Amino acid sequence: MLRCLCLYLSLFFANGHAIPPIFLIAVDSLNENQVIYEKFPLLSHSLGVNDYGYLVFAKSRAGTEKFFKWLFLEVIFVELDAQIEVVRYSGSSTSQQEECVSADVTLLM
């Protein structure tokens, strides 16, 4: 049974960049370890043609261990790496800023 319960997850970096939106939908028929991820074009905060978002189906809107591993490893860290590259190559960063960002990423991993 598909419940009409959805968790909307949106995370923003300090510079205003957002990760793709994630909609976590509870499906009673899934088992506790089952999580289904679907990437949808144009399901986004903005109207860019290359923008996308995710529909994620799990047993509960609270997520599962598998969901959170996917969220951090496949979404947040990938976006964080992209933001580090923007800071590193924008010419506006200092070596001290780069060291802080690298240290933060190392602590997270």
PDB file of N, CA and C in Angstrom:
ATOM      1  N   MET A   1       0.833  -1.177   0.000  1.00  0.00           N
ATOM      2  CA  MET A   1       0.000   0.000   0.000  1.00  0.00           C
ATOM      3  C   MET A   1       0.881   1.244   0.000  1.00  0.00           C
ATOM      4  N   LEU A   2       0.594   2.170  -0.866  1.00  0.00           N
ATOM      5  CA  LEU A   2       1.332   3.427  -0.952  1.00  0.00           C
ATOM      6  C   LEU A   2       0.602   4.456  -0.107  1.00  0.00           C
ATOM      7  N   ARG A   3       1.276   4.917   0.926  1.00  0.00           N
ATOM      8  CA  ARG A   3       0.686   5.962   1.761  1.00  0.00           C
ATOM      9  C   ARG A   3       1.040   7.318   1.174  1.00  0.00           C
ATOM     10  N   CYS A   4       0.195   8.252   1.341  1.00  0.00           N
ATOM     11  CA  CYS A   4       0.450   9.606   0.842  1.00  0.00           C
ATOM     12  C   CYS A   4       1.255  10.395   1.859  1.00  0.00           C
ATOM     13  N   LEU A   5       2.318   9.814   2.290  1.00  0.00           N
ATOM     14  CA  LEU A   5       3.204  10.466   3.234  1.00  0.00           C
ATOM     15  C   LEU A   5       4.556  10.646   2.574  1.00  0.00           C
ATOM     16  N   CYS A   6       4.997  11.867   2.511  1.00  0.00           N
ATOM     17  CA  CYS A   6       6.230  12.149   1.797  1.00  0.00           C
ATOM     18  C   CYS A   6       7.095  13.079   2.638  1.00  0.00           C
ATOM     19  N   LEU A   7       8.358  12.776   2.700  1.00  0.00           N
ATOM     20  CA  LEU A   7       9.318  13.657   3.352  1.00  0.00           C
ATOM     21  C   LEU A   7      10.090  14.373   2.253  1.00  0.00           C
ATOM     22  N   TYR A   8      10.110  15.687   2.305  1.00  0.00           N
ATOM     23  CA  TYR A   8      10.851  16.479   1.322  1.00  0.00           C
ATOM     24  C   TYR A   8      12.154  16.912   1.964  1.00  0.00           C
ATOM     25  N   LEU A   9      13.261  16.543   1.353  1.00  0.00           N
ATOM     26  CA  LEU A   9      14.575  16.854   1.888  1.00  0.00           C
ATOM     27  C   LEU A   9      15.286  17.813   0.945  1.00  0.00           C
ATOM     28  N   SER A  10      15.675  18.940   1.482  1.00  0.00           N
ATOM     29  CA  SER A  10      16.386  19.937   0.692  1.00  0.00           C
ATOM     30  C   SER A  10      17.522  20.485   1.540  1.00  0.00           C
ATOM     31  N   LEU A  11      18.739  20.376   1.041  1.00  0.00           N
ATOM     32  CA  LEU A  11      19.908  20.862   1.768  1.00  0.00           C
ATOM     33  C   LEU A  11      20.620  21.916   0.931  1.00  0.00           C
ATOM     34  N   PHE A  12      21.038  22.986   1.581  1.00  0.00           N
ATOM     35  CA  PHE A  12      21.729  24.082   0.898  1.00  0.00           C
ATOM     36  C   PHE A  12      23.106  24.285   1.522  1.00  0.00           C
ATOM     37  N   PHE A  13      24.074  24.618   0.668  1.00  0.00           N
ATOM     38  CA  PHE A  13      25.402  24.973   1.136  1.00  0.00           C
ATOM     39  C   PHE A  13      25.408  26.461   1.479  1.00  0.00           C
ATOM     40  N   ALA A  14      26.437  26.913   2.174  1.00  0.00           N
ATOM     41  CA  ALA A  14      26.522  28.310   2.603  1.00  0.00           C
ATOM     42  C   ALA A  14      26.518  29.277   1.421  1.00  0.00           C
ATOM     43  N   ASN A  15      26.990  28.826   0.253  1.00  0.00           N
ATOM     44  CA  ASN A  15      27.023  29.709  -0.913  1.00  0.00           C
ATOM     45  C   ASN A  15      25.692  29.746  -1.668  1.00  0.00           C
ATOM     46  N   GLY A  16      24.671  29.037  -1.140  1.00  0.00           N
ATOM     47  CA  GLY A  16      23.351  29.057  -1.766  1.00  0.00           C
ATOM     48  C   GLY A  16      23.080  27.903  -2.698  1.00  0.00           C
ATOM     49  N   HIS A  17      24.094  27.113  -3.034  1.00  0.00           N
ATOM     50  CA  HIS A  17      23.889  25.961  -3.911  1.00  0.00           C
ATOM     51  C   HIS A  17      23.119  24.873  -3.164  1.00  0.00           C
ATOM     52  N   ALA A  18      22.166  24.260  -3.852  1.00  0.00           N
ATOM     53  CA  ALA A  18      21.348  23.216  -3.223  1.00  0.00           C
ATOM     54  C   ALA A  18      21.653  21.855  -3.834  1.00  0.00           C
ATOM     55  N   ILE A  19      21.564  20.812  -3.013  1.00  0.00           N
ATOM     56  CA  ILE A  19      21.627  19.463  -3.565  1.00  0.00           C
ATOM     57  C   ILE A  19      20.298  19.220  -4.284  1.00  0.00           C
ATOM     58  N   PRO A  20      20.237  18.247  -5.179  1.00  0.00           N
ATOM     59  CA  PRO A  20      18.955  17.941  -5.822  1.00  0.00           C
ATOM     60  C   PRO A  20      17.908  17.582  -4.763  1.00  0.00           C
ATOM     61  N   PRO A  21      16.674  18.028  -4.939  1.00  0.00           N
ATOM     62  CA  PRO A  21      15.645  17.709  -3.946  1.00  0.00           C
ATOM     63  C   PRO A  21      15.376  16.209  -3.885  1.00  0.00           C
ATOM     64  N   ILE A  22      15.051  15.750  -2.705  1.00  0.00           N
ATOM     65  CA  ILE A  22      14.788  14.326  -2.487  1.00  0.00           C
ATOM     66  C   ILE A  22      13.413  14.194  -1.833  1.00  0.00           C
ATOM     67  N   PHE A  23      12.575  13.399  -2.430  1.00  0.00           N
ATOM     68  CA  PHE A  23      11.248  13.126  -1.892  1.00  0.00           C
ATOM     69  C   PHE A  23      11.233  11.673  -1.434  1.00  0.00           C
ATOM     70  N   LEU A  24      11.103  11.467  -0.144  1.00  0.00           N
ATOM     71  CA  LEU A  24      11.104  10.121   0.437  1.00  0.00           C
ATOM     72  C   LEU A  24       9.654   9.718   0.696  1.00  0.00           C
ATOM     73  N   ILE A  25       9.210   8.670   0.012  1.00  0.00           N
ATOM     74  CA  ILE A  25       7.817   8.239   0.063  1.00  0.00           C
ATOM     75  C   ILE A  25       7.727   6.884   0.754  1.00  0.00           C
ATOM     76  N   ALA A  26       6.811   6.781   1.714  1.00  0.00           N
ATOM     77  CA  ALA A  26       6.626   5.539   2.468  1.00  0.00           C
ATOM     78  C   ALA A  26       5.752   4.570   1.673  1.00  0.00           C
ATOM     79  N   VAL A  27       6.228   3.329   1.566  1.00  0.00           N
ATOM     80  CA  VAL A  27       5.479   2.266   0.888  1.00  0.00           C
ATOM     81  C   VAL A  27       5.434   1.068   1.828  1.00  0.00           C
ATOM     82  N   ASP A  28       4.251   0.744   2.306  1.00  0.00           N
ATOM     83  CA  ASP A  28       4.103  -0.340   3.286  1.00  0.00           C
ATOM     84  C   ASP A  28       4.566  -1.697   2.775  1.00  0.00           C
ATOM     85  N   SER A  29       4.446  -1.941   1.486  1.00  0.00           N
ATOM     86  CA  SER A  29       4.764  -3.271   0.955  1.00  0.00           C
ATOM     87  C   SER A  29       6.261  -3.552   0.844  1.00  0.00           C
ATOM     88  N   LEU A  30       7.109  -2.541   1.012  1.00  0.00           N
ATOM     89  CA  LEU A  30       8.556  -2.763   0.976  1.00  0.00           C
ATOM     90  C   LEU A  30       9.025  -3.313   2.311  1.00  0.00           C
ATOM     91  N   ASN A  31      10.072  -4.155   2.272  1.00  0.00           N
ATOM     92  CA  ASN A  31      10.623  -4.626   3.539  1.00  0.00           C
ATOM     93  C   ASN A  31      11.588  -3.581   4.099  1.00  0.00           C
ATOM     94  N   GLU A  32      12.047  -3.783   5.317  1.00  0.00           N
ATOM     95  CA  GLU A  32      12.861  -2.788   6.025  1.00  0.00           C
ATOM     96  C   GLU A  32      14.163  -2.434   5.302  1.00  0.00           C
ATOM     97  N   ASN A  33      14.733  -3.386   4.563  1.00  0.00           N
ATOM     98  CA  ASN A  33      16.019  -3.154   3.906  1.00  0.00           C
ATOM     99  C   ASN A  33      15.889  -2.704   2.460  1.00  0.00           C
ATOM    100  N   GLN A  34      14.686  -2.620   1.967  1.00  0.00           N
ATOM    101  CA  GLN A  34      14.468  -2.268   0.573  1.00  0.00           C
ATOM    102  C   GLN A  34      14.315  -0.760   0.410  1.00  0.00           C
ATOM    103  N   VAL A  35      15.078  -0.187  -0.513  1.00  0.00           N
ATOM    104  CA  VAL A  35      14.979   1.225  -0.845  1.00  0.00           C
ATOM    105  C   VAL A  35      15.100   1.334  -2.359  1.00  0.00           C
ATOM    106  N   ILE A  36      14.209   2.100  -2.961  1.00  0.00           N
ATOM    107  CA  ILE A  36      14.212   2.284  -4.418  1.00  0.00           C
ATOM    108  C   ILE A  36      14.479   3.764  -4.695  1.00  0.00           C
ATOM    109  N   TYR A  37      15.505   4.040  -5.512  1.00  0.00           N
ATOM    110  CA  TYR A  37      15.880   5.407  -5.862  1.00  0.00           C
ATOM    111  C   TYR A  37      15.589   5.626  -7.337  1.00  0.00           C
ATOM    112  N   GLU A  38      14.920   6.703  -7.648  1.00  0.00           N
ATOM    113  CA  GLU A  38      14.671   7.055  -9.045  1.00  0.00           C
ATOM    114  C   GLU A  38      15.044   8.512  -9.256  1.00  0.00           C
ATOM    115  N   LYS A  39      15.880   8.760 -10.247  1.00  0.00           N
ATOM    116  CA  LYS A  39      16.305  10.119 -10.587  1.00  0.00           C
ATOM    117  C   LYS A  39      15.380  10.639 -11.693  1.00  0.00           C
ATOM    118  N   PHE A  40      14.788  11.815 -11.464  1.00  0.00           N
ATOM    119  CA  PHE A  40      13.859  12.382 -12.436  1.00  0.00           C
ATOM    120  C   PHE A  40      14.348  13.735 -12.936  1.00  0.00           C
ATOM    121  N   PRO A  41      14.473  13.882 -14.265  1.00  0.00           N
ATOM    122  CA  PRO A  41      14.851  15.187 -14.810  1.00  0.00           C
ATOM    123  C   PRO A  41      13.767  16.222 -14.512  1.00  0.00           C
ATOM    124  N   LEU A  42      14.206  17.451 -14.305  1.00  0.00           N
ATOM    125  CA  LEU A  42      13.344  18.612 -14.081  1.00  0.00           C
ATOM    126  C   LEU A  42      12.586  18.593 -12.754  1.00  0.00           C
ATOM    127  N   LEU A  43      12.793  17.602 -11.916  1.00  0.00           N
ATOM    128  CA  LEU A  43      12.197  17.583 -10.577  1.00  0.00           C
ATOM    129  C   LEU A  43      13.186  18.320  -9.680  1.00  0.00           C
ATOM    130  N   SER A  44      13.123  19.654  -9.728  1.00  0.00           N
ATOM    131  CA  SER A  44      14.194  20.437  -9.150  1.00  0.00           C
ATOM    132  C   SER A  44      13.696  21.743  -8.557  1.00  0.00           C
ATOM    133  N   HIS A  45      14.612  22.429  -7.864  1.00  0.00           N
ATOM    134  CA  HIS A  45      14.333  23.756  -7.311  1.00  0.00           C
ATOM    135  C   HIS A  45      14.295  24.799  -8.409  1.00  0.00           C
ATOM    136  N   SER A  46      15.016  24.538  -9.475  1.00  0.00           N
ATOM    137  CA  SER A  46      15.156  25.541 -10.530  1.00  0.00           C
ATOM    138  C   SER A  46      14.618  24.997 -11.853  1.00  0.00           C
ATOM    139  N   LEU A  47      14.717  25.790 -12.861  1.00  0.00           N
ATOM    140  CA  LEU A  47      14.165  25.418 -14.162  1.00  0.00           C
ATOM    141  C   LEU A  47      15.239  25.032 -15.171  1.00  0.00           C
ATOM    142  N   GLY A  48      16.445  24.736 -14.717  1.00  0.00           N
ATOM    143  CA  GLY A  48      17.520  24.350 -15.622  1.00  0.00           C
ATOM    144  C   GLY A  48      17.230  23.025 -16.309  1.00  0.00           C
ATOM    145  N   VAL A  49      17.577  22.933 -17.577  1.00  0.00           N
ATOM    146  CA  VAL A  49      17.271  21.721 -18.340  1.00  0.00           C
ATOM    147  C   VAL A  49      18.066  20.511 -17.857  1.00  0.00           C
ATOM    148  N   ASN A  50      19.187  20.723 -17.197  1.00  0.00           N
ATOM    149  CA  ASN A  50      19.994  19.609 -16.693  1.00  0.00           C
ATOM    150  C   ASN A  50      19.726  19.309 -15.225  1.00  0.00           C
ATOM    151  N   ASP A  51      18.779  19.997 -14.624  1.00  0.00           N
ATOM    152  CA  ASP A  51      18.489  19.790 -13.204  1.00  0.00           C
ATOM    153  C   ASP A  51      17.615  18.559 -13.007  1.00  0.00           C
ATOM    154  N   TYR A  52      17.707  17.994 -11.822  1.00  0.00           N
ATOM    155  CA  TYR A  52      16.972  16.761 -11.522  1.00  0.00           C
ATOM    156  C   TYR A  52      16.701  16.672 -10.028  1.00  0.00           C
ATOM    157  N   GLY A  53      15.891  15.718  -9.657  1.00  0.00           N
ATOM    158  CA  GLY A  53      15.601  15.418  -8.263  1.00  0.00           C
ATOM    159  C   GLY A  53      15.415  13.924  -8.119  1.00  0.00           C
ATOM    160  N   TYR A  54      15.191  13.471  -6.913  1.00  0.00           N
ATOM    161  CA  TYR A  54      15.051  12.041  -6.652  1.00  0.00           C
ATOM    162  C   TYR A  54      13.711  11.729  -5.981  1.00  0.00           C
ATOM    163  N   LEU A  55      13.089  10.655  -6.424  1.00  0.00           N
ATOM    164  CA  LEU A  55      11.994  10.038  -5.695  1.00  0.00           C
ATOM    165  C   LEU A  55      12.577   8.791  -5.058  1.00  0.00           C
ATOM    166  N   VAL A  56      12.411   8.668  -3.765  1.00  0.00           N
ATOM    167  CA  VAL A  56      12.955   7.529  -3.037  1.00  0.00           C
ATOM    168  C   VAL A  56      11.793   6.852  -2.314  1.00  0.00           C
ATOM    169  N   PHE A  57      11.708   5.542  -2.474  1.00  0.00           N
ATOM    170  CA  PHE A  57      10.652   4.755  -1.855  1.00  0.00           C
ATOM    171  C   PHE A  57      11.268   3.845  -0.801  1.00  0.00           C
ATOM    172  N   ALA A  58      10.701   3.878   0.406  1.00  0.00           N
ATOM    173  CA  ALA A  58      11.189   3.043   1.508  1.00  0.00           C
ATOM    174  C   ALA A  58      10.015   2.671   2.404  1.00  0.00           C
ATOM    175  N   LYS A  59      10.274   1.791   3.331  1.00  0.00           N
ATOM    176  CA  LYS A  59       9.229   1.334   4.255  1.00  0.00           C
ATOM    177  C   LYS A  59       8.686   2.484   5.104  1.00  0.00           C
ATOM    178  N   SER A  60       9.554   3.416   5.449  1.00  0.00           N
ATOM    179  CA  SER A  60       9.183   4.507   6.348  1.00  0.00           C
ATOM    180  C   SER A  60       9.752   5.827   5.852  1.00  0.00           C
ATOM    181  N   ARG A  61       9.083   6.925   6.170  1.00  0.00           N
ATOM    182  CA  ARG A  61       9.615   8.242   5.829  1.00  0.00           C
ATOM    183  C   ARG A  61      10.828   8.593   6.669  1.00  0.00           C
ATOM    184  N   ALA A  62      11.060   7.849   7.721  1.00  0.00           N
ATOM    185  CA  ALA A  62      12.228   8.103   8.561  1.00  0.00           C
ATOM    186  C   ALA A  62      13.509   7.635   7.878  1.00  0.00           C
ATOM    187  N   GLY A  63      13.398   6.875   6.799  1.00  0.00           N
ATOM    188  CA  GLY A  63      14.566   6.366   6.093  1.00  0.00           C
ATOM    189  C   GLY A  63      15.104   5.110   6.757  1.00  0.00           C
ATOM    190  N   THR A  64      16.108   4.549   6.120  1.00  0.00           N
ATOM    191  CA  THR A  64      16.753   3.341   6.626  1.00  0.00           C
ATOM    192  C   THR A  64      18.260   3.555   6.569  1.00  0.00           C
ATOM    193  N   GLU A  65      18.996   2.621   7.102  1.00  0.00           N
ATOM    194  CA  GLU A  65      20.459   2.719   7.032  1.00  0.00           C
ATOM    195  C   GLU A  65      20.910   2.780   5.575  1.00  0.00           C
ATOM    196  N   LYS A  66      20.311   1.969   4.732  1.00  0.00           N
ATOM    197  CA  LYS A  66      20.656   1.959   3.308  1.00  0.00           C
ATOM    198  C   LYS A  66      20.364   3.316   2.655  1.00  0.00           C
ATOM    199  N   PHE A  67      19.248   3.930   3.027  1.00  0.00           N
ATOM    200  CA  PHE A  67      18.900   5.247   2.489  1.00  0.00           C
ATOM    201  C   PHE A  67      19.953   6.282   2.865  1.00  0.00           C
ATOM    202  N   PHE A  68      20.340   6.313   4.137  1.00  0.00           N
ATOM    203  CA  PHE A  68      21.285   7.324   4.584  1.00  0.00           C
ATOM    204  C   PHE A  68      22.686   7.104   4.006  1.00  0.00           C
ATOM    205  N   LYS A  69      23.088   5.855   3.801  1.00  0.00           N
ATOM    206  CA  LYS A  69      24.366   5.591   3.120  1.00  0.00           C
ATOM    207  C   LYS A  69      24.313   6.157   1.704  1.00  0.00           C
ATOM    208  N   TRP A  70      23.220   5.880   0.994  1.00  0.00           N
ATOM    209  CA  TRP A  70      23.055   6.422  -0.365  1.00  0.00           C
ATOM    210  C   TRP A  70      23.045   7.941  -0.336  1.00  0.00           C
ATOM    211  N   LEU A  71      22.298   8.521   0.594  1.00  0.00           N
ATOM    212  CA  LEU A  71      22.181   9.976   0.682  1.00  0.00           C
ATOM    213  C   LEU A  71      23.547  10.632   0.838  1.00  0.00           C
ATOM    214  N   PHE A  72      24.357  10.133   1.751  1.00  0.00           N
ATOM    215  CA  PHE A  72      25.652  10.758   1.980  1.00  0.00           C
ATOM    216  C   PHE A  72      26.672  10.410   0.905  1.00  0.00           C
ATOM    217  N   LEU A  73      26.772   9.143   0.537  1.00  0.00           N
ATOM    218  CA  LEU A  73      27.813   8.738  -0.410  1.00  0.00           C
ATOM    219  C   LEU A  73      27.510   9.130  -1.852  1.00  0.00           C
ATOM    220  N   GLU A  74      26.261   9.058  -2.253  1.00  0.00           N
ATOM    221  CA  GLU A  74      25.915   9.291  -3.661  1.00  0.00           C
ATOM    222  C   GLU A  74      25.360  10.680  -3.949  1.00  0.00           C
ATOM    223  N   VAL A  75      24.924  11.390  -2.915  1.00  0.00           N
ATOM    224  CA  VAL A  75      24.330  12.712  -3.159  1.00  0.00           C
ATOM    225  C   VAL A  75      25.135  13.808  -2.466  1.00  0.00           C
ATOM    226  N   ILE A  76      25.168  13.800  -1.158  1.00  0.00           N
ATOM    227  CA  ILE A  76      25.790  14.908  -0.427  1.00  0.00           C
ATOM    228  C   ILE A  76      27.279  15.012  -0.688  1.00  0.00           C
ATOM    229  N   PHE A  77      28.031  13.908  -0.581  1.00  0.00           N
ATOM    230  CA  PHE A  77      29.477  13.993  -0.805  1.00  0.00           C
ATOM    231  C   PHE A  77      29.822  14.327  -2.245  1.00  0.00           C
ATOM    232  N   VAL A  78      29.026  13.852  -3.189  1.00  0.00           N
ATOM    233  CA  VAL A  78      29.265  14.188  -4.603  1.00  0.00           C
ATOM    234  C   VAL A  78      29.067  15.691  -4.814  1.00  0.00           C
ATOM    235  N   GLU A  79      27.994  16.242  -4.262  1.00  0.00           N
ATOM    236  CA  GLU A  79      27.742  17.681  -4.378  1.00  0.00           C
ATOM    237  C   GLU A  79      28.793  18.487  -3.617  1.00  0.00           C
ATOM    238  N   LEU A  80      29.210  17.989  -2.465  1.00  0.00           N
ATOM    239  CA  LEU A  80      30.236  18.668  -1.688  1.00  0.00           C
ATOM    240  C   LEU A  80      31.555  18.711  -2.451  1.00  0.00           C
ATOM    241  N   ASP A  81      31.921  17.613  -3.087  1.00  0.00           N
ATOM    242  CA  ASP A  81      33.141  17.595  -3.912  1.00  0.00           C
ATOM    243  C   ASP A  81      33.057  18.623  -5.033  1.00  0.00           C
ATOM    244  N   ALA A  82      31.896  18.730  -5.658  1.00  0.00           N
ATOM    245  CA  ALA A  82      31.720  19.713  -6.734  1.00  0.00           C
ATOM    246  C   ALA A  82      31.872  21.131  -6.195  1.00  0.00           C
ATOM    247  N   GLN A  83      31.351  21.394  -5.010  1.00  0.00           N
ATOM    248  CA  GLN A  83      31.470  22.724  -4.412  1.00  0.00           C
ATOM    249  C   GLN A  83      32.908  23.028  -4.017  1.00  0.00           C
ATOM    250  N   ILE A  84      33.647  22.028  -3.569  1.00  0.00           N
ATOM    251  CA  ILE A  84      35.062  22.223  -3.241  1.00  0.00           C
ATOM    252  C   ILE A  84      35.823  22.629  -4.491  1.00  0.00           C
ATOM    253  N   GLU A  85      35.510  21.985  -5.610  1.00  0.00           N
ATOM    254  CA  GLU A  85      36.170  22.340  -6.866  1.00  0.00           C
ATOM    255  C   GLU A  85      35.824  23.765  -7.295  1.00  0.00           C
ATOM    256  N   VAL A  86      34.598  24.181  -7.089  1.00  0.00           N
ATOM    257  CA  VAL A  86      34.201  25.558  -7.426  1.00  0.00           C
ATOM    258  C   VAL A  86      35.007  26.539  -6.586  1.00  0.00           C
ATOM    259  N   VAL A  87      35.122  26.283  -5.296  1.00  0.00           N
ATOM    260  CA  VAL A  87      35.891  27.166  -4.419  1.00  0.00           C
ATOM    261  C   VAL A  87      37.364  27.151  -4.813  1.00  0.00           C
ATOM    262  N   ARG A  88      37.889  25.977  -5.090  1.00  0.00           N
ATOM    263  CA  ARG A  88      39.305  25.824  -5.394  1.00  0.00           C
ATOM    264  C   ARG A  88      39.691  26.547  -6.688  1.00  0.00           C
ATOM    265  N   TYR A  89      38.822  26.489  -7.696  1.00  0.00           N
ATOM    266  CA  TYR A  89      39.175  27.045  -9.004  1.00  0.00           C
ATOM    267  C   TYR A  89      38.531  28.393  -9.304  1.00  0.00           C
ATOM    268  N   SER A  90      37.823  28.970  -8.333  1.00  0.00           N
ATOM    269  CA  SER A  90      37.187  30.264  -8.589  1.00  0.00           C
ATOM    270  C   SER A  90      38.171  31.415  -8.496  1.00  0.00           C
ATOM    271  N   GLY A  91      39.318  31.154  -7.906  1.00  0.00           N
ATOM    272  CA  GLY A  91      40.306  32.215  -7.772  1.00  0.00           C
ATOM    273  C   GLY A  91      40.060  33.083  -6.554  1.00  0.00           C
ATOM    274  N   SER A  92      38.927  32.898  -5.896  1.00  0.00           N
ATOM    275  CA  SER A  92      38.616  33.729  -4.738  1.00  0.00           C
ATOM    276  C   SER A  92      38.985  33.050  -3.424  1.00  0.00           C
ATOM    277  N   SER A  93      39.433  31.808  -3.508  1.00  0.00           N
ATOM    278  CA  SER A  93      39.729  31.085  -2.268  1.00  0.00           C
ATOM    279  C   SER A  93      41.180  31.303  -1.859  1.00  0.00           C
ATOM    280  N   THR A  94      41.415  31.127  -0.602  1.00  0.00           N
ATOM    281  CA  THR A  94      42.777  31.161  -0.087  1.00  0.00           C
ATOM    282  C   THR A  94      43.166  29.740   0.272  1.00  0.00           C
ATOM    283  N   SER A  95      44.440  29.512   0.448  1.00  0.00           N
ATOM    284  CA  SER A  95      44.875  28.167   0.820  1.00  0.00           C
ATOM    285  C   SER A  95      44.300  27.784   2.183  1.00  0.00           C
ATOM    286  N   GLN A  96      44.093  28.779   3.062  1.00  0.00           N
ATOM    287  CA  GLN A  96      43.516  28.495   4.373  1.00  0.00           C
ATOM    288  C   GLN A  96      42.070  27.999   4.216  1.00  0.00           C
ATOM    289  N   GLN A  97      41.274  28.613   3.306  1.00  0.00           N
ATOM    290  CA  GLN A  97      39.905  28.162   3.063  1.00  0.00           C
ATOM    291  C   GLN A  97      39.907  26.741   2.528  1.00  0.00           C
ATOM    292  N   GLU A  98      40.811  26.450   1.589  1.00  0.00           N
ATOM    293  CA  GLU A  98      40.890  25.111   1.013  1.00  0.00           C
ATOM    294  C   GLU A  98      41.250  24.077   2.073  1.00  0.00           C
ATOM    295  N   GLU A  99      42.168  24.418   2.969  1.00  0.00           N
ATOM    296  CA  GLU A  99      42.543  23.494   4.029  1.00  0.00           C
ATOM    297  C   GLU A  99      41.363  23.217   4.952  1.00  0.00           C
ATOM    298  N   CYS A 100      40.582  24.233   5.275  1.00  0.00           N
ATOM    299  CA  CYS A 100      39.402  24.061   6.152  1.00  0.00           C
ATOM    300  C   CYS A 100      38.376  23.146   5.480  1.00  0.00           C
ATOM    301  N   VAL A 101      38.120  23.389   4.200  1.00  0.00           N
ATOM    302  CA  VAL A 101      37.136  22.575   3.479  1.00  0.00           C
ATOM    303  C   VAL A 101      37.622  21.127   3.404  1.00  0.00           C
ATOM    304  N   SER A 102      38.908  20.921   3.090  1.00  0.00           N
ATOM    305  CA  SER A 102      39.451  19.565   3.004  1.00  0.00           C
ATOM    306  C   SER A 102      39.384  18.870   4.353  1.00  0.00           C
ATOM    307  N   ALA A 103      39.670  19.593   5.434  1.00  0.00           N
ATOM    308  CA  ALA A 103      39.618  19.009   6.763  1.00  0.00           C
ATOM    309  C   ALA A 103      38.194  18.616   7.107  1.00  0.00           C
ATOM    310  N   ASP A 104      37.209  19.460   6.751  1.00  0.00           N
ATOM    311  CA  ASP A 104      35.810  19.142   7.022  1.00  0.00           C
ATOM    312  C   ASP A 104      35.380  17.871   6.295  1.00  0.00           C
ATOM    313  N   VAL A 105      35.776  17.736   5.031  1.00  0.00           N
ATOM    314  CA  VAL A 105      35.404  16.563   4.252  1.00  0.00           C
ATOM    315  C   VAL A 105      36.034  15.310   4.846  1.00  0.00           C
ATOM    316  N   THR A 106      37.301  15.417   5.261  1.00  0.00           N
ATOM    317  CA  THR A 106      37.985  14.266   5.856  1.00  0.00           C
ATOM    318  C   THR A 106      37.277  13.830   7.135  1.00  0.00           C
ATOM    319  N   LEU A 107      36.856  14.782   7.951  1.00  0.00           N
ATOM    320  CA  LEU A 107      36.154  14.444   9.193  1.00  0.00           C
ATOM    321  C   LEU A 107      34.823  13.763   8.904  1.00  0.00           C
ATOM    322  N   LEU A 108      34.130  14.194   7.857  1.00  0.00           N
ATOM    323  CA  LEU A 108      32.848  13.599   7.516  1.00  0.00           C
ATOM    324  C   LEU A 108      32.999  12.172   7.039  1.00  0.00           C
ATOM    325  N   MET A 109      34.056  11.866   6.346  1.00  0.00           N
ATOM    326  CA  MET A 109      34.249  10.533   5.794  1.00  0.00           C
ATOM    327  C   MET A 109      34.775   9.626   6.861  1.00  0.00           C
TER     328      MET A 109
END
